[in-house]
């Protein structure tokens, strides 16, 4: 129970990034269509919020720092989305 929040945050971040990137050409699974991008980014944002909670609760381990580093992945994803679509 020491690293409960950080484990959930890593899982939600990876699932959210996977779902959000499914609509783009390398994977191109059209399960949710364009809504998949929003659903995936929502799951990713929930993982970020949980990682901030883990950081504020001062959980032990390196996992909380790794989940906080994934904030840069979200910024890169938004930049790529802006480059592809032309708007956010």
Protein backbone atom coordinates (compact mmCIF):
# COMPACT_ATOMS: atom_id res chain seq x y z
CA UNK A 1 0.00 0.00 0.00
CA UNK A 2 3.04 2.26 -0.03
CA UNK A 3 2.88 3.03 -3.75
CA UNK A 4 -0.79 2.68 -4.53
CA UNK A 5 -1.34 6.03 -6.25
CA UNK A 6 1.83 5.92 -8.30
CA UNK A 7 1.01 2.45 -9.66
CA UNK A 8 -2.47 3.54 -10.71
CA UNK A 9 -1.13 6.71 -12.27
CA UNK A 10 1.40 4.84 -14.43
CA UNK A 11 -1.28 2.40 -15.59
CA UNK A 12 -3.74 5.18 -16.45
CA UNK A 13 -1.08 7.21 -18.24
CA UNK A 14 -0.03 4.33 -20.48
CA UNK A 15 -3.63 3.27 -21.22
CA UNK A 16 -4.60 6.88 -21.97
CA UNK A 17 -1.68 7.42 -24.34
CA UNK A 18 -2.43 4.13 -26.10
CA UNK A 19 -6.12 4.94 -26.56
CA UNK A 20 -5.38 8.50 -27.67
CA UNK A 21 -2.83 7.40 -30.26
CA UNK A 22 -5.00 4.62 -31.75
CA UNK A 23 -6.65 6.97 -34.25
CA UNK A 24 -3.37 7.93 -35.90
CA UNK A 25 -1.83 6.07 -38.88
CA UNK A 26 0.85 3.81 -37.36
CA UNK A 27 -1.73 1.97 -35.24
CA UNK A 28 -4.97 3.19 -36.91
CA UNK A 29 -7.49 1.18 -34.90
CA UNK A 30 -10.80 2.92 -35.48
CA UNK A 31 -12.54 1.70 -32.35
CA UNK A 32 -13.72 5.05 -31.03
CA UNK A 33 -12.86 7.30 -33.97
CA UNK A 34 -11.94 10.87 -33.10
CA UNK A 35 -13.64 10.47 -29.72
CA UNK A 36 -10.85 8.06 -28.83
CA UNK A 37 -8.41 10.95 -28.79
CA UNK A 38 -10.52 12.82 -26.23
CA UNK A 39 -11.26 9.73 -24.14
CA UNK A 40 -7.59 8.74 -24.14
CA UNK A 41 -6.43 12.21 -23.22
CA UNK A 42 -9.02 12.29 -20.42
CA UNK A 43 -7.68 9.01 -19.03
CA UNK A 44 -4.14 10.38 -19.39
CA UNK A 45 -5.12 13.56 -17.53
CA UNK A 46 -6.64 11.48 -14.73
CA UNK A 47 -3.33 9.61 -14.44
CA UNK A 48 -1.47 12.92 -14.20
CA UNK A 49 -3.78 14.12 -11.42
CA UNK A 50 -3.24 10.86 -9.51
CA UNK A 51 0.53 11.19 -9.93
CA UNK A 52 0.36 14.70 -8.46
CA UNK A 53 -1.61 13.27 -5.52
CA UNK A 54 1.09 10.60 -5.09
CA UNK A 55 3.74 13.30 -5.10
CA UNK A 56 1.86 15.41 -2.54
CA UNK A 57 1.32 12.38 -0.27
CA UNK A 58 5.10 11.78 -0.45
CA UNK A 59 4.93 8.16 -1.56
CA UNK A 60 8.14 6.19 -1.54
CA UNK A 61 9.96 5.13 -4.66
CA UNK A 62 10.94 6.34 -8.07
CA UNK A 63 7.63 5.55 -9.77
CA UNK A 64 6.01 8.87 -8.87
CA UNK A 65 8.82 10.79 -10.57
CA UNK A 66 8.49 8.70 -13.71
CA UNK A 67 4.76 9.41 -13.84
CA UNK A 68 5.41 13.13 -13.37
CA UNK A 69 7.91 13.05 -16.24
CA UNK A 70 5.12 11.89 -18.51
CA UNK A 71 3.67 15.40 -18.42
CA UNK A 72 6.14 16.13 -21.22
CA UNK A 73 4.50 13.33 -23.24
CA UNK A 74 1.19 15.16 -22.96
CA UNK A 75 2.75 18.38 -24.17
CA UNK A 76 4.35 16.57 -27.12
CA UNK A 77 1.02 14.87 -27.91
CA UNK A 78 -0.80 18.21 -27.94
CA UNK A 79 1.90 19.68 -30.20
CA UNK A 80 1.58 16.77 -32.65
CA UNK A 81 -2.20 17.02 -32.54
CA UNK A 82 -1.98 20.72 -33.32
CA UNK A 83 0.42 20.00 -36.21
CA UNK A 84 -1.86 17.34 -37.69
CA UNK A 85 -5.28 18.92 -37.21
CA UNK A 86 -4.35 22.59 -37.19
CA UNK A 87 -6.30 23.34 -34.04
CA UNK A 88 -6.91 21.84 -30.64
